[in-house]
Amino acid sequence: MHRGALLELLLRRRSWKNAVVDFIAFGTVFGVAIVVVGVTLLGQSMAGMALVEVAICRS
């Protein structure tokens, strides 16, 4: 479903204030998800680099 259509549906169904609250809540959840994924990927890459460094030092 297109984001514009979804917003339009929200606006039609309820008052614009509720739609704004929903939009802010959705944005917050989306932002948190992006941060979690970013931190996870960064942690994995740092762990990978540390493992490579250990392997180089040992050889």
PDB file of N, CA and C in Angstrom:
ATOM      1  N   MET A   1       0.846  -1.204   0.000  1.00  0.00           N
ATOM      2  CA  MET A   1       0.000   0.000   0.000  1.00  0.00           C
ATOM      3  C   MET A   1       0.881   1.255   0.000  1.00  0.00           C
ATOM      4  N   HIS A   2       0.494   2.221  -0.806  1.00  0.00           N
ATOM      5  CA  HIS A   2       1.284   3.449  -0.925  1.00  0.00           C
ATOM      6  C   HIS A   2       1.140   4.305   0.331  1.00  0.00           C
ATOM      7  N   ARG A   3       2.201   4.978   0.722  1.00  0.00           N
ATOM      8  CA  ARG A   3       2.192   5.782   1.943  1.00  0.00           C
ATOM      9  C   ARG A   3       1.155   6.903   1.862  1.00  0.00           C
ATOM     10  N   GLY A   4       1.048   7.537   0.701  1.00  0.00           N
ATOM     11  CA  GLY A   4       0.074   8.612   0.517  1.00  0.00           C
ATOM     12  C   GLY A   4      -1.353   8.125   0.696  1.00  0.00           C
ATOM     13  N   ALA A   5      -1.647   6.955   0.132  1.00  0.00           N
ATOM     14  CA  ALA A   5      -2.981   6.363   0.255  1.00  0.00           C
ATOM     15  C   ALA A   5      -3.280   6.021   1.711  1.00  0.00           C
ATOM     16  N   LEU A   6      -2.263   5.528   2.408  1.00  0.00           N
ATOM     17  CA  LEU A   6      -2.421   5.171   3.822  1.00  0.00           C
ATOM     18  C   LEU A   6      -2.713   6.416   4.648  1.00  0.00           C
ATOM     19  N   LEU A   7      -1.969   7.497   4.381  1.00  0.00           N
ATOM     20  CA  LEU A   7      -2.200   8.766   5.081  1.00  0.00           C
ATOM     21  C   LEU A   7      -3.597   9.296   4.795  1.00  0.00           C
ATOM     22  N   GLU A   8      -4.015   9.202   3.538  1.00  0.00           N
ATOM     23  CA  GLU A   8      -5.342   9.673   3.134  1.00  0.00           C
ATOM     24  C   GLU A   8      -6.426   8.899   3.878  1.00  0.00           C
ATOM     25  N   LEU A   9      -6.221   7.596   4.003  1.00  0.00           N
ATOM     26  CA  LEU A   9      -7.167   6.732   4.711  1.00  0.00           C
ATOM     27  C   LEU A   9      -7.265   7.149   6.179  1.00  0.00           C
ATOM     28  N   LEU A  10      -6.097   7.404   6.792  1.00  0.00           N
ATOM     29  CA  LEU A  10      -6.066   7.846   8.189  1.00  0.00           C
ATOM     30  C   LEU A  10      -6.798   9.174   8.354  1.00  0.00           C
ATOM     31  N   LEU A  11      -6.557  10.096   7.419  1.00  0.00           N
ATOM     32  CA  LEU A  11      -7.176  11.420   7.493  1.00  0.00           C
ATOM     33  C   LEU A  11      -8.686  11.333   7.321  1.00  0.00           C
ATOM     34  N   ARG A  12      -9.146  10.436   6.441  1.00  0.00           N
ATOM     35  CA  ARG A  12     -10.574  10.283   6.206  1.00  0.00           C
ATOM     36  C   ARG A  12     -11.260   9.635   7.399  1.00  0.00           C
ATOM     37  N   ARG A  13     -10.608   8.633   7.958  1.00  0.00           N
ATOM     38  CA  ARG A  13     -11.228   7.844   9.019  1.00  0.00           C
ATOM     39  C   ARG A  13     -11.394   8.627  10.313  1.00  0.00           C
ATOM     40  N   ARG A  14     -10.383   9.407  10.665  1.00  0.00           N
ATOM     41  CA  ARG A  14     -10.423  10.111  11.937  1.00  0.00           C
ATOM     42  C   ARG A  14     -10.015  11.568  11.758  1.00  0.00           C
ATOM     43  N   SER A  15     -10.045  12.311  12.832  1.00  0.00           N
ATOM     44  CA  SER A  15      -9.649  13.711  12.755  1.00  0.00           C
ATOM     45  C   SER A  15      -8.162  13.835  12.450  1.00  0.00           C
ATOM     46  N   TRP A  16      -7.763  14.996  11.954  1.00  0.00           N
ATOM     47  CA  TRP A  16      -6.361  15.197  11.572  1.00  0.00           C
ATOM     48  C   TRP A  16      -5.432  15.116  12.772  1.00  0.00           C
ATOM     49  N   LYS A  17      -5.930  15.474  13.964  1.00  0.00           N
ATOM     50  CA  LYS A  17      -5.089  15.398  15.168  1.00  0.00           C
ATOM     51  C   LYS A  17      -4.679  13.952  15.442  1.00  0.00           C
ATOM     52  N   ASN A  18      -5.639  13.037  15.344  1.00  0.00           N
ATOM     53  CA  ASN A  18      -5.338  11.614  15.541  1.00  0.00           C
ATOM     54  C   ASN A  18      -4.356  11.118  14.493  1.00  0.00           C
ATOM     55  N   ALA A  19      -4.539  11.578  13.249  1.00  0.00           N
ATOM     56  CA  ALA A  19      -3.645  11.182  12.161  1.00  0.00           C
ATOM     57  C   ALA A  19      -2.224  11.671  12.440  1.00  0.00           C
ATOM     58  N   VAL A  20      -2.114  12.896  12.955  1.00  0.00           N
ATOM     59  CA  VAL A  20      -0.796  13.463  13.288  1.00  0.00           C
ATOM     60  C   VAL A  20      -0.138  12.642  14.395  1.00  0.00           C
ATOM     61  N   VAL A  21      -0.918  12.303  15.416  1.00  0.00           N
ATOM     62  CA  VAL A  21      -0.395  11.489  16.520  1.00  0.00           C
ATOM     63  C   VAL A  21       0.088  10.135  15.999  1.00  0.00           C
ATOM     64  N   ASP A  22      -0.721   9.504  15.133  1.00  0.00           N
ATOM     65  CA  ASP A  22      -0.340   8.220  14.531  1.00  0.00           C
ATOM     66  C   ASP A  22       0.939   8.361  13.718  1.00  0.00           C
ATOM     67  N   PHE A  23       1.025   9.456  12.952  1.00  0.00           N
ATOM     68  CA  PHE A  23       2.188   9.692  12.095  1.00  0.00           C
ATOM     69  C   PHE A  23       3.448   9.857  12.938  1.00  0.00           C
ATOM     70  N   ILE A  24       3.338  10.615  14.048  1.00  0.00           N
ATOM     71  CA  ILE A  24       4.481  10.820  14.949  1.00  0.00           C
ATOM     72  C   ILE A  24       4.882   9.497  15.591  1.00  0.00           C
ATOM     73  N   ALA A  25       3.894   8.720  16.039  1.00  0.00           N
ATOM     74  CA  ALA A  25       4.175   7.419  16.657  1.00  0.00           C
ATOM     75  C   ALA A  25       4.864   6.494  15.664  1.00  0.00           C
ATOM     76  N   PHE A  26       4.357   6.470  14.422  1.00  0.00           N
ATOM     77  CA  PHE A  26       4.940   5.636  13.367  1.00  0.00           C
ATOM     78  C   PHE A  26       6.374   6.077  13.086  1.00  0.00           C
ATOM     79  N   GLY A  27       6.582   7.386  13.007  1.00  0.00           N
ATOM     80  CA  GLY A  27       7.918   7.929  12.761  1.00  0.00           C
ATOM     81  C   GLY A  27       8.891   7.560  13.864  1.00  0.00           C
ATOM     82  N   THR A  28       8.416   7.624  15.117  1.00  0.00           N
ATOM     83  CA  THR A  28       9.259   7.275  16.264  1.00  0.00           C
ATOM     84  C   THR A  28       9.659   5.807  16.207  1.00  0.00           C
ATOM     85  N   VAL A  29       8.685   4.932  15.964  1.00  0.00           N
ATOM     86  CA  VAL A  29       8.957   3.489  15.875  1.00  0.00           C
ATOM     87  C   VAL A  29       9.935   3.205  14.744  1.00  0.00           C
ATOM     88  N   PHE A  30       9.707   3.865  13.593  1.00  0.00           N
ATOM     89  CA  PHE A  30      10.569   3.684  12.423  1.00  0.00           C
ATOM     90  C   PHE A  30      11.992   4.155  12.729  1.00  0.00           C
ATOM     91  N   GLY A  31      12.105   5.304  13.402  1.00  0.00           N
ATOM     92  CA  GLY A  31      13.416   5.845  13.775  1.00  0.00           C
ATOM     93  C   GLY A  31      14.165   4.917  14.709  1.00  0.00           C
ATOM     94  N   VAL A  32      13.464   4.398  15.712  1.00  0.00           N
ATOM     95  CA  VAL A  32      14.075   3.468  16.671  1.00  0.00           C
ATOM     96  C   VAL A  32      14.554   2.215  15.943  1.00  0.00           C
ATOM     97  N   ALA A  33      13.738   1.698  15.024  1.00  0.00           N
ATOM     98  CA  ALA A  33      14.109   0.498  14.262  1.00  0.00           C
ATOM     99  C   ALA A  33      15.384   0.743  13.460  1.00  0.00           C
ATOM    100  N   ILE A  34      15.475   1.914  12.814  1.00  0.00           N
ATOM    101  CA  ILE A  34      16.670   2.251  12.029  1.00  0.00           C
ATOM    102  C   ILE A  34      17.902   2.312  12.931  1.00  0.00           C
ATOM    103  N   VAL A  35      17.767   2.941  14.096  1.00  0.00           N
ATOM    104  CA  VAL A  35      18.886   3.050  15.042  1.00  0.00           C
ATOM    105  C   VAL A  35      19.332   1.665  15.499  1.00  0.00           C
ATOM    106  N   VAL A  36      18.371   0.805  15.846  1.00  0.00           N
ATOM    107  CA  VAL A  36      18.691  -0.555  16.306  1.00  0.00           C
ATOM    108  C   VAL A  36      19.441  -1.323  15.220  1.00  0.00           C
ATOM    109  N   VAL A  37      18.938  -1.257  13.990  1.00  0.00           N
ATOM    110  CA  VAL A  37      19.594  -1.949  12.873  1.00  0.00           C
ATOM    111  C   VAL A  37      20.997  -1.383  12.649  1.00  0.00           C
ATOM    112  N   GLY A  38      21.120  -0.063  12.688  1.00  0.00           N
ATOM    113  CA  GLY A  38      22.416   0.586  12.491  1.00  0.00           C
ATOM    114  C   GLY A  38      23.426   0.178  13.545  1.00  0.00           C
ATOM    115  N   VAL A  39      23.006   0.199  14.808  1.00  0.00           N
ATOM    116  CA  VAL A  39      23.893  -0.184  15.911  1.00  0.00           C
ATOM    117  C   VAL A  39      24.289  -1.650  15.793  1.00  0.00           C
ATOM    118  N   THR A  40      23.336  -2.501  15.428  1.00  0.00           N
ATOM    119  CA  THR A  40      23.613  -3.936  15.268  1.00  0.00           C
ATOM    120  C   THR A  40      24.647  -4.168  14.176  1.00  0.00           C
ATOM    121  N   LEU A  41      24.450  -3.514  13.020  1.00  0.00           N
ATOM    122  CA  LEU A  41      25.390  -3.663  11.904  1.00  0.00           C
ATOM    123  C   LEU A  41      26.765  -3.124  12.282  1.00  0.00           C
ATOM    124  N   LEU A  42      26.799  -1.982  12.968  1.00  0.00           N
ATOM    125  CA  LEU A  42      28.061  -1.380  13.399  1.00  0.00           C
ATOM    126  C   LEU A  42      28.770  -2.314  14.372  1.00  0.00           C
ATOM    127  N   GLY A  43      28.026  -2.879  15.315  1.00  0.00           N
ATOM    128  CA  GLY A  43      28.598  -3.815  16.283  1.00  0.00           C
ATOM    129  C   GLY A  43      29.171  -5.040  15.605  1.00  0.00           C
ATOM    130  N   GLN A  44      28.452  -5.563  14.613  1.00  0.00           N
ATOM    131  CA  GLN A  44      28.923  -6.739  13.880  1.00  0.00           C
ATOM    132  C   GLN A  44      30.195  -6.426  13.102  1.00  0.00           C
ATOM    133  N   SER A  45      30.230  -5.269  12.433  1.00  0.00           N
ATOM    134  CA  SER A  45      31.407  -4.909  11.639  1.00  0.00           C
ATOM    135  C   SER A  45      32.610  -4.667  12.550  1.00  0.00           C
ATOM    136  N   MET A  46      32.384  -4.055  13.727  1.00  0.00           N
ATOM    137  CA  MET A  46      33.476  -3.815  14.678  1.00  0.00           C
ATOM    138  C   MET A  46      33.993  -5.135  15.234  1.00  0.00           C
ATOM    139  N   ALA A  47      33.080  -6.060  15.535  1.00  0.00           N
ATOM    140  CA  ALA A  47      33.480  -7.380  16.027  1.00  0.00           C
ATOM    141  C   ALA A  47      34.266  -8.111  14.947  1.00  0.00           C
ATOM    142  N   GLY A  48      33.816  -7.994  13.699  1.00  0.00           N
ATOM    143  CA  GLY A  48      34.510  -8.622  12.573  1.00  0.00           C
ATOM    144  C   GLY A  48      35.908  -8.064  12.407  1.00  0.00           C
ATOM    145  N   MET A  49      36.052  -6.744  12.525  1.00  0.00           N
ATOM    146  CA  MET A  49      37.366  -6.106  12.409  1.00  0.00           C
ATOM    147  C   MET A  49      38.280  -6.548  13.548  1.00  0.00           C
ATOM    148  N   ALA A  50      37.720  -6.658  14.754  1.00  0.00           N
ATOM    149  CA  ALA A  50      38.502  -7.104  15.911  1.00  0.00           C
ATOM    150  C   ALA A  50      38.998  -8.529  15.688  1.00  0.00           C
ATOM    151  N   LEU A  51      38.138  -9.388  15.153  1.00  0.00           N
ATOM    152  CA  LEU A  51      38.526 -10.775  14.870  1.00  0.00           C
ATOM    153  C   LEU A  51      39.639 -10.824  13.832  1.00  0.00           C
ATOM    154  N   VAL A  52      39.530  -9.978  12.800  1.00  0.00           N
ATOM    155  CA  VAL A  52      40.559  -9.921  11.756  1.00  0.00           C
ATOM    156  C   VAL A  52      41.883  -9.465  12.362  1.00  0.00           C
ATOM    157  N   GLU A  53      41.831  -8.450  13.223  1.00  0.00           N
ATOM    158  CA  GLU A  53      43.045  -7.946  13.877  1.00  0.00           C
ATOM    159  C   GLU A  53      43.690  -9.026  14.731  1.00  0.00           C
ATOM    160  N   VAL A  54      42.874  -9.765  15.480  1.00  0.00           N
ATOM    161  CA  VAL A  54      43.386 -10.856  16.322  1.00  0.00           C
ATOM    162  C   VAL A  54      44.036 -11.918  15.440  1.00  0.00           C
ATOM    163  N   ALA A  55      43.381 -12.256  14.327  1.00  0.00           N
ATOM    164  CA  ALA A  55      43.914 -13.267  13.404  1.00  0.00           C
ATOM    165  C   ALA A  55      45.256 -12.812  12.828  1.00  0.00           C
ATOM    166  N   ILE A  56      45.364 -11.528  12.479  1.00  0.00           N
ATOM    167  CA  ILE A  56      46.615 -10.994  11.927  1.00  0.00           C
ATOM    168  C   ILE A  56      47.715 -11.026  12.989  1.00  0.00           C
ATOM    169  N   CYS A  57      47.378 -10.650  14.208  1.00  0.00           N
ATOM    170  CA  CYS A  57      48.366 -10.634  15.298  1.00  0.00           C
ATOM    171  C   CYS A  57      48.861 -12.044  15.614  1.00  0.00           C
ATOM    172  N   ARG A  58      47.963 -13.016  15.540  1.00  0.00           N
ATOM    173  CA  ARG A  58      48.320 -14.397  15.901  1.00  0.00           C
ATOM    174  C   ARG A  58      49.208 -15.037  14.846  1.00  0.00           C
ATOM    175  N   SER A  59      49.003 -14.665  13.566  1.00  0.00           N
ATOM    176  CA  SER A  59      49.745 -15.320  12.488  1.00  0.00           C
ATOM    177  C   SER A  59      51.192 -14.834  12.419  1.00  0.00           C
TER     178      SER A  59
END
